Each structure stands twice: as C-alpha cells, then as structure tokens.
C-alpha cells in the first residue's frame, strides 16, 4: 500500500511539451498493473502530436483544452473523461486562461513515444 501527499511528489517538465509538467503519483514500482500521473499545462501550453504504445485513461481535474485524437479534435473541461487507444496520434493545447490539469493512467507495459508532425 502507498499513501502520499500530492505536495510531496516532485513535478518534472515534459520534454517535448511547452509549459507542461507532470508528477508520477503512482509509479510502475508501486503498482503491478497501472501507473498514475498528473499533468499540469499552463495557459497557452501544450504537447505536440505523438503516439504511445500504451493506451491512456484520463480524467480532467480543472481547466479546458483542445485535444486531437486521431482525426478528431475535441474540447474538454473539468470532470470529462478521455480514452486514447494505444498507437493513436494525439496532441493537447490549453485553450483556457487557467491551468489545465488531468490524471493519466497507463498500463505498466513498455512504451515508446514517437513525436509526429502536427496535423494541418
């Protein structure tokens, strides 16, 4: 069992992102099946179009953003739930005036991130 305070988990920058940090709340070493991460995206910040080899289950905590998933572009806000299948290109852009924050759960499997060209 692991219990910790959010304020005790260090944030680190998302290398390919702009104005984005994340915290590993539950790591692959702490749980056998899934890792839990919290992403924090400043106003105007975002992450480029990319793919992962693992699926993403996400819950929006606050703010609003535009997310591209495959060929669809959706607007999300607090309390929305997002599923991104493995291998599907996706990107994020904070479209609001406040921080966009979401939880992201991913399976504890090998993952390879590939940054792609931004769609037109």
N, C-alpha and C. Protein backbone atom coordinates (compact mmCIF):
# COMPACT_ATOMS: atom_id res chain seq x y z
N UNK A 1 0.84 -1.18 0.00
CA UNK A 1 0.00 0.00 0.00
C UNK A 1 0.89 1.24 0.00
N UNK A 2 0.47 2.24 -0.77
CA UNK A 2 1.19 3.51 -0.84
C UNK A 2 0.21 4.64 -0.57
N UNK A 3 0.58 5.52 0.34
CA UNK A 3 -0.19 6.74 0.59
C UNK A 3 0.83 7.88 0.65
N UNK A 4 0.54 8.95 -0.09
CA UNK A 4 1.44 10.10 -0.08
C UNK A 4 0.65 11.36 -0.33
N UNK A 5 1.25 12.49 -0.07
CA UNK A 5 0.62 13.78 -0.32
C UNK A 5 1.06 14.29 -1.69
N UNK A 6 0.12 14.88 -2.42
CA UNK A 6 0.41 15.42 -3.73
C UNK A 6 1.58 16.40 -3.68
N UNK A 7 1.63 17.20 -2.62
CA UNK A 7 2.68 18.20 -2.49
C UNK A 7 4.07 17.60 -2.27
N UNK A 8 4.13 16.31 -1.92
CA UNK A 8 5.42 15.64 -1.72
C UNK A 8 5.96 15.00 -2.99
N UNK A 9 5.17 15.01 -4.07
CA UNK A 9 5.58 14.38 -5.33
C UNK A 9 6.17 15.46 -6.24
N UNK A 10 7.45 15.34 -6.60
CA UNK A 10 8.07 16.38 -7.43
C UNK A 10 7.48 16.41 -8.84
N UNK A 11 7.40 17.61 -9.39
CA UNK A 11 6.96 17.79 -10.77
C UNK A 11 8.20 17.87 -11.65
N UNK A 12 8.08 17.34 -12.86
CA UNK A 12 9.18 17.41 -13.82
C UNK A 12 8.64 17.87 -15.17
N UNK A 13 9.45 18.55 -15.96
CA UNK A 13 8.96 19.05 -17.24
C UNK A 13 8.72 17.92 -18.25
N UNK A 14 7.71 18.12 -19.10
CA UNK A 14 7.51 17.23 -20.24
C UNK A 14 8.43 17.76 -21.33
N UNK A 15 9.43 16.98 -21.71
CA UNK A 15 10.48 17.45 -22.60
C UNK A 15 9.97 17.97 -23.94
N UNK A 16 9.01 17.28 -24.55
CA UNK A 16 8.50 17.69 -25.86
C UNK A 16 7.39 18.74 -25.74
N UNK A 17 6.92 18.98 -24.52
CA UNK A 17 5.81 19.91 -24.33
C UNK A 17 6.28 21.33 -24.14
N UNK A 18 5.32 22.24 -24.14
CA UNK A 18 5.58 23.65 -23.88
C UNK A 18 4.70 24.07 -22.72
N UNK A 19 5.31 24.47 -21.59
CA UNK A 19 4.55 24.88 -20.41
C UNK A 19 3.84 23.74 -19.74
N UNK A 20 4.43 22.53 -19.78
CA UNK A 20 3.79 21.34 -19.24
C UNK A 20 4.74 20.62 -18.28
N UNK A 21 4.22 20.30 -17.09
CA UNK A 21 4.95 19.45 -16.15
C UNK A 21 4.06 18.27 -15.79
N UNK A 22 4.68 17.24 -15.18
CA UNK A 22 3.90 16.11 -14.71
C UNK A 22 4.50 15.56 -13.44
N UNK A 23 3.64 14.86 -12.68
CA UNK A 23 4.05 14.17 -11.46
C UNK A 23 3.68 12.70 -11.61
N UNK A 24 4.57 11.82 -11.21
CA UNK A 24 4.26 10.40 -11.16
C UNK A 24 3.68 10.12 -9.78
N UNK A 25 2.36 10.00 -9.69
CA UNK A 25 1.69 9.81 -8.41
C UNK A 25 1.81 8.38 -7.92
N UNK A 26 1.63 7.43 -8.82
CA UNK A 26 1.84 6.01 -8.52
C UNK A 26 2.70 5.46 -9.64
N UNK A 27 3.88 4.99 -9.30
CA UNK A 27 4.83 4.53 -10.32
C UNK A 27 4.65 3.05 -10.63
N UNK A 28 5.35 2.62 -11.64
CA UNK A 28 5.32 1.20 -12.02
C UNK A 28 5.93 0.33 -10.91
N UNK A 29 6.77 0.92 -10.08
CA UNK A 29 7.36 0.17 -8.97
C UNK A 29 6.38 0.02 -7.80
N UNK A 30 5.34 0.87 -7.76
CA UNK A 30 4.40 0.86 -6.64
C UNK A 30 3.13 0.05 -6.90
N UNK A 31 2.78 -0.14 -8.16
CA UNK A 31 1.54 -0.83 -8.50
C UNK A 31 1.82 -1.82 -9.63
N UNK A 32 1.21 -2.99 -9.59
CA UNK A 32 1.55 -4.02 -10.58
C UNK A 32 0.96 -3.81 -11.97
N UNK A 33 -0.13 -3.06 -12.10
CA UNK A 33 -0.82 -3.01 -13.39
C UNK A 33 -0.85 -1.66 -14.06
N UNK A 34 -0.98 -0.57 -13.29
CA UNK A 34 -1.11 0.76 -13.87
C UNK A 34 -0.24 1.77 -13.13
N UNK A 35 0.20 2.79 -13.86
CA UNK A 35 0.85 3.96 -13.27
C UNK A 35 -0.14 5.12 -13.36
N UNK A 36 -0.08 6.03 -12.38
CA UNK A 36 -0.94 7.21 -12.38
C UNK A 36 -0.07 8.45 -12.40
N UNK A 37 -0.38 9.33 -13.36
CA UNK A 37 0.37 10.57 -13.50
C UNK A 37 -0.59 11.76 -13.50
N UNK A 38 -0.09 12.89 -13.05
CA UNK A 38 -0.86 14.14 -13.09
C UNK A 38 -0.12 15.11 -14.00
N UNK A 39 -0.80 15.61 -15.02
CA UNK A 39 -0.22 16.58 -15.94
C UNK A 39 -0.76 17.96 -15.64
N UNK A 40 0.11 18.97 -15.68
CA UNK A 40 -0.23 20.35 -15.40
C UNK A 40 0.24 21.18 -16.60
N UNK A 41 -0.72 21.82 -17.29
CA UNK A 41 -0.42 22.56 -18.51
C UNK A 41 -0.81 24.02 -18.31
N UNK A 42 0.17 24.89 -18.42
CA UNK A 42 -0.07 26.33 -18.23
C UNK A 42 -0.90 26.89 -19.39
N UNK A 43 -1.57 28.02 -19.19
CA UNK A 43 -2.32 28.65 -20.28
C UNK A 43 -1.42 28.85 -21.50
N UNK A 44 -1.91 28.46 -22.66
CA UNK A 44 -1.14 28.55 -23.89
C UNK A 44 -0.20 27.38 -24.10
N UNK A 45 -0.03 26.53 -23.09
CA UNK A 45 0.88 25.39 -23.19
C UNK A 45 0.26 24.24 -23.96
N UNK A 46 1.09 23.26 -24.29
CA UNK A 46 0.57 22.11 -25.00
C UNK A 46 1.62 21.03 -25.20
N UNK A 47 1.16 19.94 -25.77
CA UNK A 47 2.04 18.82 -26.12
C UNK A 47 1.83 18.51 -27.60
N UNK A 48 2.91 18.22 -28.32
CA UNK A 48 2.81 18.01 -29.76
C UNK A 48 2.13 16.69 -30.11
N UNK A 49 1.79 16.55 -31.36
CA UNK A 49 1.20 15.32 -31.88
C UNK A 49 2.19 14.17 -31.67
N UNK A 50 1.72 13.10 -31.06
CA UNK A 50 2.61 11.97 -30.78
C UNK A 50 1.79 10.68 -30.63
N UNK A 51 2.49 9.57 -30.61
CA UNK A 51 1.86 8.28 -30.34
C UNK A 51 2.56 7.63 -29.16
N UNK A 52 1.84 6.72 -28.52
CA UNK A 52 2.37 5.87 -27.46
C UNK A 52 1.99 4.43 -27.78
N UNK A 53 2.77 3.50 -27.29
CA UNK A 53 2.44 2.09 -27.49
C UNK A 53 1.43 1.58 -26.47
N UNK A 54 1.06 2.43 -25.51
CA UNK A 54 0.10 2.03 -24.49
C UNK A 54 -1.11 2.96 -24.52
N UNK A 55 -2.25 2.44 -24.11
CA UNK A 55 -3.47 3.24 -24.02
C UNK A 55 -3.36 4.24 -22.88
N UNK A 56 -4.23 5.27 -22.91
CA UNK A 56 -4.30 6.28 -21.85
C UNK A 56 -5.74 6.38 -21.38
N UNK A 57 -5.93 6.37 -20.08
CA UNK A 57 -7.22 6.69 -19.47
C UNK A 57 -7.01 8.00 -18.71
N UNK A 58 -7.83 9.01 -19.01
CA UNK A 58 -7.59 10.33 -18.44
C UNK A 58 -8.85 10.91 -17.81
N UNK A 59 -8.64 11.68 -16.74
CA UNK A 59 -9.72 12.39 -16.06
C UNK A 59 -9.29 13.84 -15.89
N UNK A 60 -10.07 14.77 -16.43
CA UNK A 60 -9.73 16.19 -16.37
C UNK A 60 -10.12 16.75 -15.00
N UNK A 61 -9.14 17.30 -14.30
CA UNK A 61 -9.34 17.86 -12.96
C UNK A 61 -9.79 19.31 -13.00
N UNK A 62 -9.18 20.11 -13.89
CA UNK A 62 -9.53 21.53 -13.97
C UNK A 62 -9.08 22.11 -15.30
N UNK A 63 -9.68 23.24 -15.65
CA UNK A 63 -9.31 23.94 -16.87
C UNK A 63 -10.02 23.40 -18.09
N UNK A 64 -9.52 23.83 -19.25
CA UNK A 64 -10.09 23.38 -20.51
C UNK A 64 -8.98 23.29 -21.54
N UNK A 65 -9.18 22.41 -22.52
CA UNK A 65 -8.17 22.21 -23.55
C UNK A 65 -8.82 21.65 -24.81
N UNK A 66 -8.08 21.78 -25.88
CA UNK A 66 -8.42 21.13 -27.15
C UNK A 66 -7.47 19.95 -27.26
N UNK A 67 -8.03 18.79 -27.57
CA UNK A 67 -7.23 17.57 -27.73
C UNK A 67 -7.52 16.99 -29.10
N UNK A 68 -6.47 16.69 -29.83
CA UNK A 68 -6.61 15.95 -31.08
C UNK A 68 -6.37 14.48 -30.80
N UNK A 69 -7.30 13.63 -31.22
CA UNK A 69 -7.16 12.18 -31.06
C UNK A 69 -7.46 11.57 -32.42
N UNK A 70 -6.44 11.05 -33.07
CA UNK A 70 -6.62 10.57 -34.43
C UNK A 70 -7.00 11.74 -35.32
N UNK A 71 -8.13 11.63 -36.02
CA UNK A 71 -8.59 12.71 -36.90
C UNK A 71 -9.61 13.62 -36.23
N UNK A 72 -9.97 13.32 -34.98
CA UNK A 72 -10.96 14.13 -34.26
C UNK A 72 -10.27 15.17 -33.39
N UNK A 73 -10.92 16.33 -33.26
CA UNK A 73 -10.48 17.36 -32.32
C UNK A 73 -11.64 17.60 -31.38
N UNK A 74 -11.37 17.48 -30.07
CA UNK A 74 -12.43 17.64 -29.08
C UNK A 74 -12.05 18.72 -28.07
N UNK A 75 -13.05 19.34 -27.48
CA UNK A 75 -12.86 20.30 -26.40
C UNK A 75 -13.20 19.58 -25.11
N UNK A 76 -12.31 19.65 -24.12
CA UNK A 76 -12.56 19.01 -22.83
C UNK A 76 -12.44 20.03 -21.72
N UNK A 77 -13.10 19.72 -20.60
CA UNK A 77 -13.06 20.59 -19.42
C UNK A 77 -13.14 19.72 -18.17
N UNK A 78 -13.09 20.36 -17.02
CA UNK A 78 -13.12 19.65 -15.74
C UNK A 78 -14.25 18.62 -15.71
N UNK A 79 -13.95 17.46 -15.18
CA UNK A 79 -14.84 16.31 -15.00
C UNK A 79 -15.10 15.50 -16.26
N UNK A 80 -14.43 15.83 -17.38
CA UNK A 80 -14.53 15.00 -18.57
C UNK A 80 -13.57 13.82 -18.44
N UNK A 81 -13.93 12.73 -19.10
CA UNK A 81 -13.14 11.50 -19.12
C UNK A 81 -12.73 11.24 -20.56
N UNK A 82 -11.46 10.90 -20.78
CA UNK A 82 -10.92 10.71 -22.12
C UNK A 82 -10.22 9.35 -22.19
N UNK A 83 -10.46 8.63 -23.29
CA UNK A 83 -9.74 7.38 -23.54
C UNK A 83 -8.99 7.53 -24.86
N UNK A 84 -7.70 7.24 -24.85
CA UNK A 84 -6.88 7.29 -26.06
C UNK A 84 -6.31 5.90 -26.28
N UNK A 85 -6.72 5.21 -27.36
CA UNK A 85 -6.21 3.87 -27.63
C UNK A 85 -4.70 3.87 -27.93
N UNK A 86 -4.06 2.77 -27.68
CA UNK A 86 -2.64 2.62 -27.98
C UNK A 86 -2.40 2.85 -29.47
N UNK A 87 -1.31 3.56 -29.77
CA UNK A 87 -0.91 3.77 -31.15
C UNK A 87 -1.63 4.89 -31.89
N UNK A 88 -2.64 5.52 -31.27
CA UNK A 88 -3.40 6.58 -31.94
C UNK A 88 -2.72 7.93 -31.69
N UNK A 89 -2.43 8.69 -32.76
CA UNK A 89 -1.82 10.01 -32.58
C UNK A 89 -2.72 10.93 -31.74
N UNK A 90 -2.10 11.74 -30.88
CA UNK A 90 -2.86 12.67 -30.06
C UNK A 90 -1.98 13.85 -29.66
N UNK A 91 -2.64 15.00 -29.41
CA UNK A 91 -1.96 16.23 -29.01
C UNK A 91 -2.88 17.03 -28.10
N UNK A 92 -2.31 18.02 -27.39
CA UNK A 92 -3.04 18.81 -26.41
C UNK A 92 -2.70 20.29 -26.57
N UNK A 93 -3.68 21.16 -26.36
CA UNK A 93 -3.46 22.60 -26.32
C UNK A 93 -4.38 23.21 -25.27
N UNK A 94 -3.79 23.86 -24.27
CA UNK A 94 -4.59 24.55 -23.26
C UNK A 94 -5.20 25.77 -23.92
N UNK A 95 -6.54 25.81 -24.00
CA UNK A 95 -7.24 26.91 -24.65
C UNK A 95 -7.85 27.89 -23.64
N UNK A 96 -7.63 27.64 -22.37
CA UNK A 96 -8.24 28.48 -21.34
C UNK A 96 -7.27 29.47 -20.74
N UNK A 97 -7.77 30.22 -19.78
CA UNK A 97 -6.96 31.22 -19.09
C UNK A 97 -6.43 30.70 -17.76
N UNK A 98 -6.77 29.45 -17.42
CA UNK A 98 -6.26 28.85 -16.18
C UNK A 98 -5.49 27.57 -16.51
N UNK A 99 -4.84 27.03 -15.53
CA UNK A 99 -4.10 25.79 -15.69
C UNK A 99 -5.04 24.65 -16.08
N UNK A 100 -4.61 23.84 -17.03
CA UNK A 100 -5.33 22.63 -17.42
C UNK A 100 -4.62 21.47 -16.74
N UNK A 101 -5.37 20.68 -15.96
CA UNK A 101 -4.77 19.57 -15.22
C UNK A 101 -5.59 18.31 -15.44
N UNK A 102 -4.87 17.18 -15.60
CA UNK A 102 -5.58 15.91 -15.75
C UNK A 102 -4.76 14.76 -15.17
N UNK A 103 -5.47 13.74 -14.73
CA UNK A 103 -4.85 12.49 -14.33
C UNK A 103 -4.76 11.60 -15.55
N UNK A 104 -3.67 10.87 -15.67
CA UNK A 104 -3.48 9.95 -16.79
C UNK A 104 -3.01 8.61 -16.23
N UNK A 105 -3.78 7.58 -16.48
CA UNK A 105 -3.41 6.23 -16.08
C UNK A 105 -2.97 5.45 -17.31
N UNK A 106 -1.85 4.76 -17.18
CA UNK A 106 -1.31 3.96 -18.28
C UNK A 106 -0.92 2.58 -17.75
N UNK A 107 -1.07 1.55 -18.58
CA UNK A 107 -0.65 0.22 -18.13
C UNK A 107 0.86 0.14 -17.96
N UNK A 108 1.28 -0.71 -17.06
CA UNK A 108 2.71 -0.94 -16.82
C UNK A 108 3.25 -1.89 -17.88
N UNK A 109 3.39 -1.37 -19.08
CA UNK A 109 3.94 -2.11 -20.21
C UNK A 109 4.99 -1.23 -20.87
N UNK A 110 5.86 -1.83 -21.66
CA UNK A 110 6.84 -0.98 -22.37
C UNK A 110 6.13 0.04 -23.25
N UNK A 111 6.65 1.25 -23.27
CA UNK A 111 6.05 2.32 -24.05
C UNK A 111 7.14 3.02 -24.84
N UNK A 112 6.81 3.36 -26.06
CA UNK A 112 7.70 4.14 -26.91
C UNK A 112 6.89 5.34 -27.39
N UNK A 113 7.41 6.53 -27.15
CA UNK A 113 6.74 7.76 -27.57
C UNK A 113 7.39 8.22 -28.87
N UNK A 114 6.56 8.48 -29.86
CA UNK A 114 7.05 8.99 -31.14
C UNK A 114 6.36 10.31 -31.45
N UNK A 115 7.15 11.39 -31.54
CA UNK A 115 6.61 12.71 -31.88
C UNK A 115 6.41 12.76 -33.39
N UNK A 116 5.20 13.22 -33.80
CA UNK A 116 4.82 13.28 -35.20
C UNK A 116 4.66 14.73 -35.65
N UNK A 117 4.52 14.94 -36.94
CA UNK A 117 4.21 16.27 -37.45
C UNK A 117 2.84 16.67 -36.97
N UNK A 118 2.65 17.95 -36.70
CA UNK A 118 1.35 18.45 -36.25
C UNK A 118 0.38 18.38 -37.43
N UNK A 119 -0.85 17.88 -37.20
CA UNK A 119 -1.81 17.82 -38.31
C UNK A 119 -2.20 19.22 -38.77
N UNK A 120 -2.57 19.32 -40.01
CA UNK A 120 -2.99 20.61 -40.59
C UNK A 120 -4.32 21.04 -40.05
